[in-house]
């Protein structure tokens, strides 16, 4: 077996060394680029513009809180819903009797001082009435006409006398009475102020408990507001109008509530 000469060995050694140097040079160049990359963010843009700066943004801690304000106030209006129900052998007769009695009711409302714009028909219905006997087919008894009206009363002192008047005129069903506000703006604004004060106090309390200074408010959302009280049942009999006094009606108070949600920054 022939061995390479000493001259051949001397020539091969530098070739290996060159490869090592080339690889080392590549690694050094990559490292130089890696260390130089952050600095590139602060270099000037092409065309000689202002330096380009990129900063990391971290979200600030915040408080997300809710509060409400309530105001109790006396109502200044009432709404009564009532109806005239009539039955007859034929549909035409049932409607005719109903119309005659409803005309009397409308006249009674005008005498009570109720304006036409405050009277609204809320339902008109005509339906067949049947008698049901076991093991026999349904038997037509006649027809029922139902005319319902909703009346707004702006004078609370006239609520009882108005109910008596319409019953005396022919109303035989009263669905209910509800109380409300003609303009709830003032009560709502008072509730808003209370809600904001309560929210501020709650935010200050949390800030103190956490030991972190309270910053400014980031957002504020409102909910709630004025809603009329649902109608309450009011049972009427024709004998009401026979009594010496009018039907007693208590208006009570209404609650106007405003709910708010706020997001506050916390300063580090």
C-alpha atoms as a PDB file:
ATOM      1  CA  UNK A   1       0.000   0.000   0.000  1.00  0.00           C
ATOM      2  CA  UNK A   2       1.422   3.355  -1.041  1.00  0.00           C
ATOM      3  CA  UNK A   3       1.468   6.137   1.534  1.00  0.00           C
ATOM      4  CA  UNK A   4       1.065   9.765   0.471  1.00  0.00           C
ATOM      5  CA  UNK A   5       4.237  11.661   0.402  1.00  0.00           C
ATOM      6  CA  UNK A   6       5.044  14.283   2.996  1.00  0.00           C
ATOM      7  CA  UNK A   7       4.601  16.938   0.329  1.00  0.00           C
ATOM      8  CA  UNK A   8       1.058  15.754  -0.432  1.00  0.00           C
ATOM      9  CA  UNK A   9       0.176  15.862   3.279  1.00  0.00           C
ATOM     10  CA  UNK A  10       1.499  19.376   3.566  1.00  0.00           C
ATOM     11  CA  UNK A  11      -0.721  20.544   0.664  1.00  0.00           C
ATOM     12  CA  UNK A  12      -3.956  18.888   1.994  1.00  0.00           C
ATOM     13  CA  UNK A  13      -3.808  20.517   5.450  1.00  0.00           C
ATOM     14  CA  UNK A  14      -4.423  24.122   4.328  1.00  0.00           C
ATOM     15  CA  UNK A  15      -7.565  23.014   2.360  1.00  0.00           C
ATOM     16  CA  UNK A  16      -9.220  21.710   5.569  1.00  0.00           C
ATOM     17  CA  UNK A  17      -8.201  24.838   7.432  1.00  0.00           C
ATOM     18  CA  UNK A  18      -9.781  27.034   4.750  1.00  0.00           C
ATOM     19  CA  UNK A  19     -13.110  25.217   5.076  1.00  0.00           C
ATOM     20  CA  UNK A  20     -13.066  25.728   8.841  1.00  0.00           C
ATOM     21  CA  UNK A  21     -12.267  29.375   8.418  1.00  0.00           C
ATOM     22  CA  UNK A  22     -15.093  29.793   5.892  1.00  0.00           C
ATOM     23  CA  UNK A  23     -17.608  28.187   8.246  1.00  0.00           C
ATOM     24  CA  UNK A  24     -16.388  30.285  11.173  1.00  0.00           C
ATOM     25  CA  UNK A  25     -16.657  33.378   9.053  1.00  0.00           C
ATOM     26  CA  UNK A  26     -20.282  32.552   8.160  1.00  0.00           C
ATOM     27  CA  UNK A  27     -21.227  32.062  11.832  1.00  0.00           C
ATOM     28  CA  UNK A  28     -19.559  35.334  12.787  1.00  0.00           C
ATOM     29  CA  UNK A  29     -21.422  37.160  10.019  1.00  0.00           C
ATOM     30  CA  UNK A  30     -24.788  35.711  11.146  1.00  0.00           C
ATOM     31  CA  UNK A  31     -24.074  36.704  14.726  1.00  0.00           C
ATOM     32  CA  UNK A  32     -23.151  40.191  13.630  1.00  0.00           C
ATOM     33  CA  UNK A  33     -26.479  40.509  11.755  1.00  0.00           C
ATOM     34  CA  UNK A  34     -28.423  39.184  14.775  1.00  0.00           C
ATOM     35  CA  UNK A  35     -26.853  41.731  17.134  1.00  0.00           C
ATOM     36  CA  UNK A  36     -27.303  44.528  14.635  1.00  0.00           C
ATOM     37  CA  UNK A  37     -31.050  43.791  13.999  1.00  0.00           C
ATOM     38  CA  UNK A  38     -32.474  45.760  16.950  1.00  0.00           C
ATOM     39  CA  UNK A  39     -30.473  48.769  15.941  1.00  0.00           C
ATOM     40  CA  UNK A  40     -32.128  48.688  12.519  1.00  0.00           C
ATOM     41  CA  UNK A  41     -35.439  49.721  14.121  1.00  0.00           C
ATOM     42  CA  UNK A  42     -33.965  53.097  14.917  1.00  0.00           C
ATOM     43  CA  UNK A  43     -32.340  53.712  11.504  1.00  0.00           C
ATOM     44  CA  UNK A  44     -33.596  56.282   9.092  1.00  0.00           C
ATOM     45  CA  UNK A  45     -36.177  55.237   6.537  1.00  0.00           C
ATOM     46  CA  UNK A  46     -35.317  55.237   2.856  1.00  0.00           C
ATOM     47  CA  UNK A  47     -35.535  58.691   1.375  1.00  0.00           C
ATOM     48  CA  UNK A  48     -34.175  60.496   4.435  1.00  0.00           C
ATOM     49  CA  UNK A  49     -37.383  60.395   6.517  1.00  0.00           C
ATOM     50  CA  UNK A  50     -37.636  60.499  10.294  1.00  0.00           C
ATOM     51  CA  UNK A  51     -36.153  57.570  12.241  1.00  0.00           C
ATOM     52  CA  UNK A  52     -38.471  54.564  12.530  1.00  0.00           C
ATOM     53  CA  UNK A  53     -39.021  53.613  16.178  1.00  0.00           C
ATOM     54  CA  UNK A  54     -40.977  50.545  17.357  1.00  0.00           C
ATOM     55  CA  UNK A  55     -41.940  50.304  21.023  1.00  0.00           C
ATOM     56  CA  UNK A  56     -43.548  47.396  22.859  1.00  0.00           C
ATOM     57  CA  UNK A  57     -46.972  48.304  24.333  1.00  0.00           C
ATOM     58  CA  UNK A  58     -48.218  46.560  27.472  1.00  0.00           C
ATOM     59  CA  UNK A  59     -51.875  46.776  28.524  1.00  0.00           C
ATOM     60  CA  UNK A  60     -52.486  48.865  31.622  1.00  0.00           C
ATOM     61  CA  UNK A  61     -54.320  47.267  34.547  1.00  0.00           C
ATOM     62  CA  UNK A  62     -57.936  48.433  34.889  1.00  0.00           C
ATOM     63  CA  UNK A  63     -61.030  48.173  37.072  1.00  0.00           C
ATOM     64  CA  UNK A  64     -64.341  47.113  35.492  1.00  0.00           C
ATOM     65  CA  UNK A  65     -67.130  48.120  37.888  1.00  0.00           C
ATOM     66  CA  UNK A  66     -70.912  48.527  37.950  1.00  0.00           C
ATOM     67  CA  UNK A  67     -73.190  50.764  39.996  1.00  0.00           C
ATOM     68  CA  UNK A  68     -76.709  52.164  39.921  1.00  0.00           C
ATOM     69  CA  UNK A  69     -78.729  55.144  41.064  1.00  0.00           C
ATOM     70  CA  UNK A  70     -82.376  55.075  42.150  1.00  0.00           C
ATOM     71  CA  UNK A  71     -84.858  57.891  42.567  1.00  0.00           C
ATOM     72  CA  UNK A  72     -88.345  57.511  44.012  1.00  0.00           C
ATOM     73  CA  UNK A  73     -90.909  59.982  42.756  1.00  0.00           C
ATOM     74  CA  UNK A  74     -94.666  60.430  42.744  1.00  0.00           C
ATOM     75  CA  UNK A  75     -96.477  59.649  39.462  1.00  0.00           C
ATOM     76  CA  UNK A  76     -98.369  62.401  37.675  1.00  0.00           C
ATOM     77  CA  UNK A  77    -100.528  60.343  35.292  1.00  0.00           C
ATOM     78  CA  UNK A  78    -102.520  57.119  35.191  1.00  0.00           C
ATOM     79  CA  UNK A  79    -103.690  54.704  32.500  1.00  0.00           C
ATOM     80  CA  UNK A  80    -106.852  52.611  32.780  1.00  0.00           C
ATOM     81  CA  UNK A  81    -107.756  49.749  30.434  1.00  0.00           C
ATOM     82  CA  UNK A  82    -111.389  48.619  30.343  1.00  0.00           C
ATOM     83  CA  UNK A  83    -113.869  46.996  28.014  1.00  0.00           C
ATOM     84  CA  UNK A  84    -117.492  46.451  27.074  1.00  0.00           C
ATOM     85  CA  UNK A  85    -118.515  42.837  26.522  1.00  0.00           C
ATOM     86  CA  UNK A  86    -121.910  41.973  25.040  1.00  0.00           C
ATOM     87  CA  UNK A  87    -123.517  38.699  23.960  1.00  0.00           C
ATOM     88  CA  UNK A  88    -126.433  38.108  21.556  1.00  0.00           C
ATOM     89  CA  UNK A  89    -127.948  35.387  19.392  1.00  0.00           C
ATOM     90  CA  UNK A  90    -126.430  36.819  16.213  1.00  0.00           C
ATOM     91  CA  UNK A  91    -123.139  38.486  15.436  1.00  0.00           C
ATOM     92  CA  UNK A  92    -124.819  41.647  14.148  1.00  0.00           C
ATOM     93  CA  UNK A  93    -126.908  42.020  17.300  1.00  0.00           C
ATOM     94  CA  UNK A  94    -123.883  41.498  19.556  1.00  0.00           C
ATOM     95  CA  UNK A  95    -121.935  44.195  17.691  1.00  0.00           C
ATOM     96  CA  UNK A  96    -124.907  46.571  17.676  1.00  0.00           C
ATOM     97  CA  UNK A  97    -125.443  46.288  21.433  1.00  0.00           C
ATOM     98  CA  UNK A  98    -121.725  46.712  22.041  1.00  0.00           C
ATOM     99  CA  UNK A  99    -121.542  49.844  19.884  1.00  0.00           C
ATOM    100  CA  UNK A 100    -124.520  51.426  21.692  1.00  0.00           C
ATOM    101  CA  UNK A 101    -122.972  50.863  25.117  1.00  0.00           C
ATOM    102  CA  UNK A 102    -119.528  52.009  23.967  1.00  0.00           C
ATOM    103  CA  UNK A 103    -121.023  55.264  22.659  1.00  0.00           C
ATOM    104  CA  UNK A 104    -122.412  55.857  26.137  1.00  0.00           C
ATOM    105  CA  UNK A 105    -118.973  55.178  27.630  1.00  0.00           C
ATOM    106  CA  UNK A 106    -117.320  57.658  25.279  1.00  0.00           C
ATOM    107  CA  UNK A 107    -119.857  60.304  26.207  1.00  0.00           C
ATOM    108  CA  UNK A 108    -119.169  59.658  29.894  1.00  0.00           C
ATOM    109  CA  UNK A 109    -115.435  60.118  29.300  1.00  0.00           C
ATOM    110  CA  UNK A 110    -116.029  63.481  27.617  1.00  0.00           C
ATOM    111  CA  UNK A 111    -118.196  64.606  30.546  1.00  0.00           C
ATOM    112  CA  UNK A 112    -115.367  63.556  32.885  1.00  0.00           C
ATOM    113  CA  UNK A 113    -112.988  65.919  31.033  1.00  0.00           C
ATOM    114  CA  UNK A 114    -110.974  63.279  29.183  1.00  0.00           C
ATOM    115  CA  UNK A 115    -109.653  64.589  25.850  1.00  0.00           C
ATOM    116  CA  UNK A 116    -110.179  62.537  22.695  1.00  0.00           C
ATOM    117  CA  UNK A 117    -106.420  62.193  22.156  1.00  0.00           C
ATOM    118  CA  UNK A 118    -106.205  60.380  25.516  1.00  0.00           C
ATOM    119  CA  UNK A 119    -108.668  57.662  24.488  1.00  0.00           C
ATOM    120  CA  UNK A 120    -107.462  54.782  22.310  1.00  0.00           C
ATOM    121  CA  UNK A 121    -109.156  51.578  21.201  1.00  0.00           C
ATOM    122  CA  UNK A 122    -106.831  48.741  22.192  1.00  0.00           C
ATOM    123  CA  UNK A 123    -108.879  45.767  21.000  1.00  0.00           C
ATOM    124  CA  UNK A 124    -112.052  44.763  19.146  1.00  0.00           C
ATOM    125  CA  UNK A 125    -113.093  41.145  18.977  1.00  0.00           C
ATOM    126  CA  UNK A 126    -116.143  39.118  17.870  1.00  0.00           C
ATOM    127  CA  UNK A 127    -116.278  35.403  18.609  1.00  0.00           C
ATOM    128  CA  UNK A 128    -118.819  32.570  18.495  1.00  0.00           C
ATOM    129  CA  UNK A 129    -119.891  31.050  21.822  1.00  0.00           C
ATOM    130  CA  UNK A 130    -120.607  27.343  22.166  1.00  0.00           C
ATOM    131  CA  UNK A 131    -122.124  25.119  24.813  1.00  0.00           C
ATOM    132  CA  UNK A 132    -120.334  21.829  25.338  1.00  0.00           C
ATOM    133  CA  UNK A 133    -122.194  18.757  26.587  1.00  0.00           C
ATOM    134  CA  UNK A 134    -120.538  15.376  27.051  1.00  0.00           C
ATOM    135  CA  UNK A 135    -121.057  12.963  24.161  1.00  0.00           C
ATOM    136  CA  UNK A 136    -122.791  15.651  22.114  1.00  0.00           C
ATOM    137  CA  UNK A 137    -121.486  17.981  19.407  1.00  0.00           C
ATOM    138  CA  UNK A 138    -120.860  21.623  20.417  1.00  0.00           C
ATOM    139  CA  UNK A 139    -124.001  23.761  20.224  1.00  0.00           C
ATOM    140  CA  UNK A 140    -123.817  27.392  19.104  1.00  0.00           C
ATOM    141  CA  UNK A 141    -125.143  29.599  21.886  1.00  0.00           C
ATOM    142  CA  UNK A 142    -124.569  32.976  20.245  1.00  0.00           C
ATOM    143  CA  UNK A 143    -121.853  35.571  19.685  1.00  0.00           C
ATOM    144  CA  UNK A 144    -119.745  37.731  21.951  1.00  0.00           C
ATOM    145  CA  UNK A 145    -118.437  41.213  21.053  1.00  0.00           C
ATOM    146  CA  UNK A 146    -115.566  42.693  23.059  1.00  0.00           C
ATOM    147  CA  UNK A 147    -114.419  46.309  22.671  1.00  0.00           C
ATOM    148  CA  UNK A 148    -111.465  47.413  24.813  1.00  0.00           C
ATOM    149  CA  UNK A 149    -110.265  50.961  25.393  1.00  0.00           C
ATOM    150  CA  UNK A 150    -107.169  52.464  27.057  1.00  0.00           C
ATOM    151  CA  UNK A 151    -107.583  55.888  28.660  1.00  0.00           C
ATOM    152  CA  UNK A 152    -104.832  58.214  29.884  1.00  0.00           C
ATOM    153  CA  UNK A 153    -105.796  60.347  32.896  1.00  0.00           C
ATOM    154  CA  UNK A 154    -103.548  63.345  33.548  1.00  0.00           C
ATOM    155  CA  UNK A 155    -105.276  64.358  36.792  1.00  0.00           C
ATOM    156  CA  UNK A 156    -104.753  61.692  39.441  1.00  0.00           C
ATOM    157  CA  UNK A 157    -107.620  63.100  41.503  1.00  0.00           C
ATOM    158  CA  UNK A 158    -109.975  62.080  38.690  1.00  0.00           C
ATOM    159  CA  UNK A 159    -108.939  58.426  38.463  1.00  0.00           C
ATOM    160  CA  UNK A 160    -111.603  57.085  40.832  1.00  0.00           C
ATOM    161  CA  UNK A 161    -114.439  59.231  39.491  1.00  0.00           C
ATOM    162  CA  UNK A 162    -113.533  58.327  35.909  1.00  0.00           C
ATOM    163  CA  UNK A 163    -113.652  54.611  36.720  1.00  0.00           C
ATOM    164  CA  UNK A 164    -117.059  55.074  38.331  1.00  0.00           C
ATOM    165  CA  UNK A 165    -118.353  57.045  35.354  1.00  0.00           C
ATOM    166  CA  UNK A 166    -117.421  54.450  32.731  1.00  0.00           C
ATOM    167  CA  UNK A 167    -118.848  51.603  34.816  1.00  0.00           C
ATOM    168  CA  UNK A 168    -122.120  53.470  35.145  1.00  0.00           C
ATOM    169  CA  UNK A 169    -122.117  54.033  31.370  1.00  0.00           C
ATOM    170  CA  UNK A 170    -121.805  50.353  30.505  1.00  0.00           C
ATOM    171  CA  UNK A 171    -118.242  49.135  31.108  1.00  0.00           C
ATOM    172  CA  UNK A 172    -118.336  45.637  32.600  1.00  0.00           C
ATOM    173  CA  UNK A 173    -114.615  44.773  32.556  1.00  0.00           C
ATOM    174  CA  UNK A 174    -111.666  46.756  33.913  1.00  0.00           C
ATOM    175  CA  UNK A 175    -108.327  45.148  33.124  1.00  0.00           C
ATOM    176  CA  UNK A 176    -106.126  47.255  35.338  1.00  0.00           C
ATOM    177  CA  UNK A 177    -104.624  50.613  36.179  1.00  0.00           C
ATOM    178  CA  UNK A 178    -101.013  51.770  35.896  1.00  0.00           C
ATOM    179  CA  UNK A 179     -99.275  54.956  37.017  1.00  0.00           C
ATOM    180  CA  UNK A 180     -96.468  56.768  35.243  1.00  0.00           C
ATOM    181  CA  UNK A 181     -94.634  60.002  34.512  1.00  0.00           C
ATOM    182  CA  UNK A 182     -95.455  62.425  31.733  1.00  0.00           C
ATOM    183  CA  UNK A 183     -91.778  63.387  31.440  1.00  0.00           C
ATOM    184  CA  UNK A 184     -89.249  61.140  33.241  1.00  0.00           C
ATOM    185  CA  UNK A 185     -86.196  63.204  32.189  1.00  0.00           C
ATOM    186  CA  UNK A 186     -85.688  64.964  35.529  1.00  0.00           C
ATOM    187  CA  UNK A 187     -85.943  61.754  37.562  1.00  0.00           C
ATOM    188  CA  UNK A 188     -83.618  59.920  35.152  1.00  0.00           C
ATOM    189  CA  UNK A 189     -80.988  62.671  35.372  1.00  0.00           C
ATOM    190  CA  UNK A 190     -81.069  62.550  39.176  1.00  0.00           C
ATOM    191  CA  UNK A 191     -80.618  58.777  39.024  1.00  0.00           C
ATOM    192  CA  UNK A 192     -77.683  59.216  36.617  1.00  0.00           C
ATOM    193  CA  UNK A 193     -75.914  61.572  39.021  1.00  0.00           C
ATOM    194  CA  UNK A 194     -76.398  59.139  41.899  1.00  0.00           C
ATOM    195  CA  UNK A 195     -75.133  56.268  39.761  1.00  0.00           C
ATOM    196  CA  UNK A 196     -71.944  58.137  38.803  1.00  0.00           C
ATOM    197  CA  UNK A 197     -71.260  59.109  42.430  1.00  0.00           C
ATOM    198  CA  UNK A 198     -71.721  55.503  43.509  1.00  0.00           C
ATOM    199  CA  UNK A 199     -69.414  54.294  40.743  1.00  0.00           C
ATOM    200  CA  UNK A 200     -66.717  56.817  41.679  1.00  0.00           C
ATOM    201  CA  UNK A 201     -66.931  55.833  45.330  1.00  0.00           C
ATOM    202  CA  UNK A 202     -66.650  52.141  44.479  1.00  0.00           C
ATOM    203  CA  UNK A 203     -63.640  52.755  42.211  1.00  0.00           C
ATOM    204  CA  UNK A 204     -61.891  54.772  44.951  1.00  0.00           C
ATOM    205  CA  UNK A 205     -62.554  51.999  47.464  1.00  0.00           C
ATOM    206  CA  UNK A 206     -61.042  49.324  45.219  1.00  0.00           C
ATOM    207  CA  UNK A 207     -58.050  51.539  44.441  1.00  0.00           C
ATOM    208  CA  UNK A 208     -57.379  52.091  48.134  1.00  0.00           C
ATOM    209  CA  UNK A 209     -57.782  48.401  48.952  1.00  0.00           C
ATOM    210  CA  UNK A 210     -55.368  47.429  46.172  1.00  0.00           C
ATOM    211  CA  UNK A 211     -52.879  50.117  47.067  1.00  0.00           C
ATOM    212  CA  UNK A 212     -52.724  51.320  43.478  1.00  0.00           C
ATOM    213  CA  UNK A 213     -53.454  54.940  42.437  1.00  0.00           C
ATOM    214  CA  UNK A 214     -56.688  55.349  40.482  1.00  0.00           C
ATOM    215  CA  UNK A 215     -56.394  56.709  36.961  1.00  0.00           C
ATOM    216  CA  UNK A 216     -58.970  58.221  34.617  1.00  0.00           C
ATOM    217  CA  UNK A 217     -62.106  56.539  33.383  1.00  0.00           C
ATOM    218  CA  UNK A 218     -61.691  54.680  30.106  1.00  0.00           C
ATOM    219  CA  UNK A 219     -65.332  53.997  29.210  1.00  0.00           C
ATOM    220  CA  UNK A 220     -68.842  54.365  30.644  1.00  0.00           C
ATOM    221  CA  UNK A 221     -71.954  52.395  29.648  1.00  0.00           C
ATOM    222  CA  UNK A 222     -75.538  53.097  30.717  1.00  0.00           C
ATOM    223  CA  UNK A 223     -78.506  50.767  31.067  1.00  0.00           C
ATOM    224  CA  UNK A 224     -81.919  50.764  32.686  1.00  0.00           C
ATOM    225  CA  UNK A 225     -84.060  53.883  32.769  1.00  0.00           C
ATOM    226  CA  UNK A 226     -87.692  54.734  33.310  1.00  0.00           C
ATOM    227  CA  UNK A 227     -90.259  51.988  32.760  1.00  0.00           C
ATOM    228  CA  UNK A 228     -93.967  52.450  33.553  1.00  0.00           C
ATOM    229  CA  UNK A 229     -95.317  50.293  36.318  1.00  0.00           C
ATOM    230  CA  UNK A 230     -97.206  47.237  35.010  1.00  0.00           C
ATOM    231  CA  UNK A 231    -101.002  47.511  35.236  1.00  0.00           C
ATOM    232  CA  UNK A 232    -102.471  46.456  38.564  1.00  0.00           C
ATOM    233  CA  UNK A 233    -105.820  44.615  38.676  1.00  0.00           C
ATOM    234  CA  UNK A 234    -108.774  46.846  39.432  1.00  0.00           C
ATOM    235  CA  UNK A 235    -112.057  45.087  39.978  1.00  0.00           C
ATOM    236  CA  UNK A 236    -115.200  47.024  39.234  1.00  0.00           C
ATOM    237  CA  UNK A 237    -118.890  46.423  39.785  1.00  0.00           C
ATOM    238  CA  UNK A 238    -121.785  48.414  38.496  1.00  0.00           C
ATOM    239  CA  UNK A 239    -122.670  49.247  42.095  1.00  0.00           C
ATOM    240  CA  UNK A 240    -119.554  51.454  42.316  1.00  0.00           C
ATOM    241  CA  UNK A 241    -121.362  54.396  40.806  1.00  0.00           C
ATOM    242  CA  UNK A 242    -124.190  53.982  43.293  1.00  0.00           C
ATOM    243  CA  UNK A 243    -121.916  54.691  46.256  1.00  0.00           C
ATOM    244  CA  UNK A 244    -121.782  58.137  47.738  1.00  0.00           C
ATOM    245  CA  UNK A 245    -118.029  58.435  47.253  1.00  0.00           C
ATOM    246  CA  UNK A 246    -115.794  57.632  44.314  1.00  0.00           C
ATOM    247  CA  UNK A 247    -113.639  54.522  44.099  1.00  0.00           C
ATOM    248  CA  UNK A 248    -110.472  55.087  46.193  1.00  0.00           C
ATOM    249  CA  UNK A 249    -107.224  54.898  44.207  1.00  0.00           C
ATOM    250  CA  UNK A 250    -103.715  55.189  45.726  1.00  0.00           C
ATOM    251  CA  UNK A 251    -100.951  56.267  43.348  1.00  0.00           C
ATOM    252  CA  UNK A 252     -97.979  55.524  45.608  1.00  0.00           C
ATOM    253  CA  UNK A 253     -94.465  56.153  44.255  1.00  0.00           C
ATOM    254  CA  UNK A 254     -92.465  55.094  41.227  1.00  0.00           C
ATOM    255  CA  UNK A 255     -88.817  53.984  41.180  1.00  0.00           C
ATOM    256  CA  UNK A 256     -86.577  55.265  38.389  1.00  0.00           C
ATOM    257  CA  UNK A 257     -83.286  53.366  38.176  1.00  0.00           C
ATOM    258  CA  UNK A 258     -80.188  53.909  36.032  1.00  0.00           C
ATOM    259  CA  UNK A 259     -77.484  51.216  35.803  1.00  0.00           C
ATOM    260  CA  UNK A 260     -73.973  52.087  34.626  1.00  0.00           C
ATOM    261  CA  UNK A 261     -70.716  50.207  34.019  1.00  0.00           C
ATOM    262  CA  UNK A 262     -67.324  51.951  33.980  1.00  0.00           C
ATOM    263  CA  UNK A 263     -63.721  50.966  33.251  1.00  0.00           C
ATOM    264  CA  UNK A 264     -61.015  52.839  35.198  1.00  0.00           C
ATOM    265  CA  UNK A 265     -57.266  52.787  34.606  1.00  0.00           C
ATOM    266  CA  UNK A 266     -54.946  51.911  37.474  1.00  0.00           C
ATOM    267  CA  UNK A 267     -51.664  53.828  37.624  1.00  0.00           C
ATOM    268  CA  UNK A 268     -48.606  51.777  38.460  1.00  0.00           C
END
